[in-house]
C-alpha atoms as a PDB file:
ATOM      1  CA  MET A   1     -98.883  11.922 191.766  1.00  0.00           C
ATOM      2  CA  ALA A   2     -95.997  10.774 189.265  1.00  0.00           C
ATOM      3  CA  VAL A   3     -97.449  10.675 185.519  1.00  0.00           C
ATOM      4  CA  ILE A   4     -97.351   7.914 183.814  1.00  0.00           C
ATOM      5  CA  GLU A   5     -94.946   7.318 180.519  1.00  0.00           C
ATOM      6  CA  ILE A   6     -96.944   7.281 177.269  1.00  0.00           C
ATOM      7  CA  SER A   7     -95.952   6.099 173.850  1.00  0.00           C
ATOM      8  CA  CYS A   8     -94.949   7.943 170.752  1.00  0.00           C
ATOM      9  CA  ALA A   9     -97.817   5.615 168.744  1.00  0.00           C
ATOM     10  CA  GLU A  10    -100.466   5.883 171.663  1.00  0.00           C
ATOM     11  CA  ILE A  11     -99.611   9.599 170.998  1.00  0.00           C
ATOM     12  CA  TRP A  12    -100.293   9.401 167.471  1.00  0.00           C
ATOM     13  CA  ARG A  13    -103.773   7.322 168.291  1.00  0.00           C
ATOM     14  CA  GLU A  14    -104.860   9.573 170.291  1.00  0.00           C
ATOM     15  CA  ILE A  15    -104.154  13.181 169.154  1.00  0.00           C
ATOM     16  CA  SER A  16    -107.030  13.732 167.228  1.00  0.00           C
ATOM     17  CA  ASN A  17    -109.498  13.272 170.372  1.00  0.00           C
ATOM     18  CA  TYR A  18    -106.810  15.225 172.529  1.00  0.00           C
ATOM     19  CA  LEU A  19    -107.237  18.487 170.223  1.00  0.00           C
ATOM     20  CA  GLN A  20    -111.311  17.738 170.227  1.00  0.00           C
ATOM     21  CA  GLY A  21    -110.954  17.613 173.898  1.00  0.00           C
ATOM     22  CA  GLU A  22    -112.435  13.514 173.937  1.00  0.00           C
ATOM     23  CA  ILE A  23    -109.641  12.000 176.249  1.00  0.00           C
ATOM     24  CA  SER A  24    -109.577  12.008 179.822  1.00  0.00           C
ATOM     25  CA  VAL A  25    -108.123  14.369 182.083  1.00  0.00           C
ATOM     26  CA  GLU A  26    -105.556  11.186 183.081  1.00  0.00           C
ATOM     27  CA  LEU A  27    -104.554  10.746 179.488  1.00  0.00           C
ATOM     28  CA  ARG A  28    -104.418  14.575 178.278  1.00  0.00           C
ATOM     29  CA  ASP A  29    -101.597  15.148 181.339  1.00  0.00           C
ATOM     30  CA  ARG A  30     -99.588  12.464 180.173  1.00  0.00           C
ATOM     31  CA  MET A  31     -99.959  13.577 176.683  1.00  0.00           C
ATOM     32  CA  GLN A  32     -99.017  17.054 177.592  1.00  0.00           C
ATOM     33  CA  ALA A  33     -96.081  15.260 180.017  1.00  0.00           C
ATOM     34  CA  HIS A  34     -94.717  13.641 176.708  1.00  0.00           C
ATOM     35  CA  PHE A  35     -95.592  16.964 174.283  1.00  0.00           C
ATOM     36  CA  GLU A  36     -93.016  18.842 176.780  1.00  0.00           C
ATOM     37  CA  VAL A  37     -89.934  16.286 176.162  1.00  0.00           C
ATOM     38  CA  CYS A  38     -90.710  14.401 172.827  1.00  0.00           C
ATOM     39  CA  LYS A  39     -89.972  16.635 169.811  1.00  0.00           C
ATOM     40  CA  HIS A  40     -91.402  14.892 167.401  1.00  0.00           C
ATOM     41  CA  CYS A  41     -94.496  14.191 169.011  1.00  0.00           C
ATOM     42  CA  SER A  42     -94.640  18.343 169.689  1.00  0.00           C
ATOM     43  CA  ALA A  43     -94.201  18.726 165.772  1.00  0.00           C
ATOM     44  CA  VAL A  44     -96.683  16.233 165.049  1.00  0.00           C
ATOM     45  CA  LEU A  45     -99.263  17.942 167.553  1.00  0.00           C
ATOM     46  CA  ASP A  46     -98.281  21.416 165.876  1.00  0.00           C
ATOM     47  CA  GLY A  47     -98.605  19.299 162.587  1.00  0.00           C
ATOM     48  CA  THR A  48    -102.110  17.947 162.670  1.00  0.00           C
ATOM     49  CA  ARG A  49    -103.603  21.175 164.466  1.00  0.00           C
ATOM     50  CA  ASN A  50    -102.535  23.254 161.408  1.00  0.00           C
ATOM     51  CA  VAL A  51    -104.291  20.187 159.024  1.00  0.00           C
ATOM     52  CA  VAL A  52    -107.505  20.881 161.370  1.00  0.00           C
ATOM     53  CA  GLU A  53    -106.688  24.534 160.876  1.00  0.00           C
ATOM     54  CA  LEU A  54    -106.925  24.630 157.389  1.00  0.00           C
ATOM     55  CA  VAL A  55    -109.536  22.094 156.763  1.00  0.00           C
ATOM     56  CA  GLY A  56    -112.016  24.081 158.582  1.00  0.00           C
ATOM     57  CA  ASP A  57    -111.568  27.205 157.411  1.00  0.00           C
ATOM     58  CA  GLY A  58    -113.336  26.013 154.515  1.00  0.00           C
ATOM     59  CA  ARG A  59    -111.356  28.388 152.341  1.00  0.00           C
ATOM     60  CA  VAL A  60    -110.036  27.108 148.321  1.00  0.00           C
ATOM     61  CA  PHE A  61    -106.853  27.754 146.946  1.00  0.00           C
ATOM     62  CA  PRO A  62    -107.049  26.899 143.060  1.00  0.00           C
ATOM     63  CA  MET A  63    -103.895  25.548 141.294  1.00  0.00           C
ATOM     64  CA  PRO A  64    -102.132  26.775 138.714  1.00  0.00           C
ATOM     65  CA  GLU A  65    -103.293  25.156 135.451  1.00  0.00           C
ATOM     66  CA  GLY A  66    -101.944  21.700 134.749  1.00  0.00           C
ATOM     67  CA  PHE A  67    -100.974  21.437 138.242  1.00  0.00           C
ATOM     68  CA  SER A  68    -102.945  18.342 139.376  1.00  0.00           C
ATOM     69  CA  ARG A  69    -102.028  16.671 135.713  1.00  0.00           C
ATOM     70  CA  ARG A  70     -98.345  16.964 136.319  1.00  0.00           C
ATOM     71  CA  LEU A  71     -99.072  15.792 140.092  1.00  0.00           C
ATOM     72  CA  TYR A  72    -100.389  12.463 139.306  1.00  0.00           C
ATOM     73  CA  ARG A  73     -97.828  11.838 136.370  1.00  0.00           C
ATOM     74  CA  LYS A  74     -94.664  12.284 139.465  1.00  0.00           C
ATOM     75  CA  ILE A  75     -97.016   9.909 141.797  1.00  0.00           C
ATOM     76  CA  ARG A  76     -97.561   7.198 138.330  1.00  0.00           C
ATOM     77  CA  ARG A  77     -92.917   7.625 138.135  1.00  0.00           C
ATOM     78  CA  ARG A  78     -92.883   6.503 141.666  1.00  0.00           C
END
């Protein structure tokens, strides 16, 4: 059976469901085939997986003194 192509936009919509195993076998196969040929979507998958692992880890990293203030100042300037 041939794998039906899937767009990057569809990949991005379903990437969380893919990581949680909450998609059909057909969609999973289509997404895996897409990841094999699309470097951008593979990078999005890796990045999303990393974020999920970091958030799920529960560790807290202390920020340097004044970091939040400097960050918000930079954001407001842009």
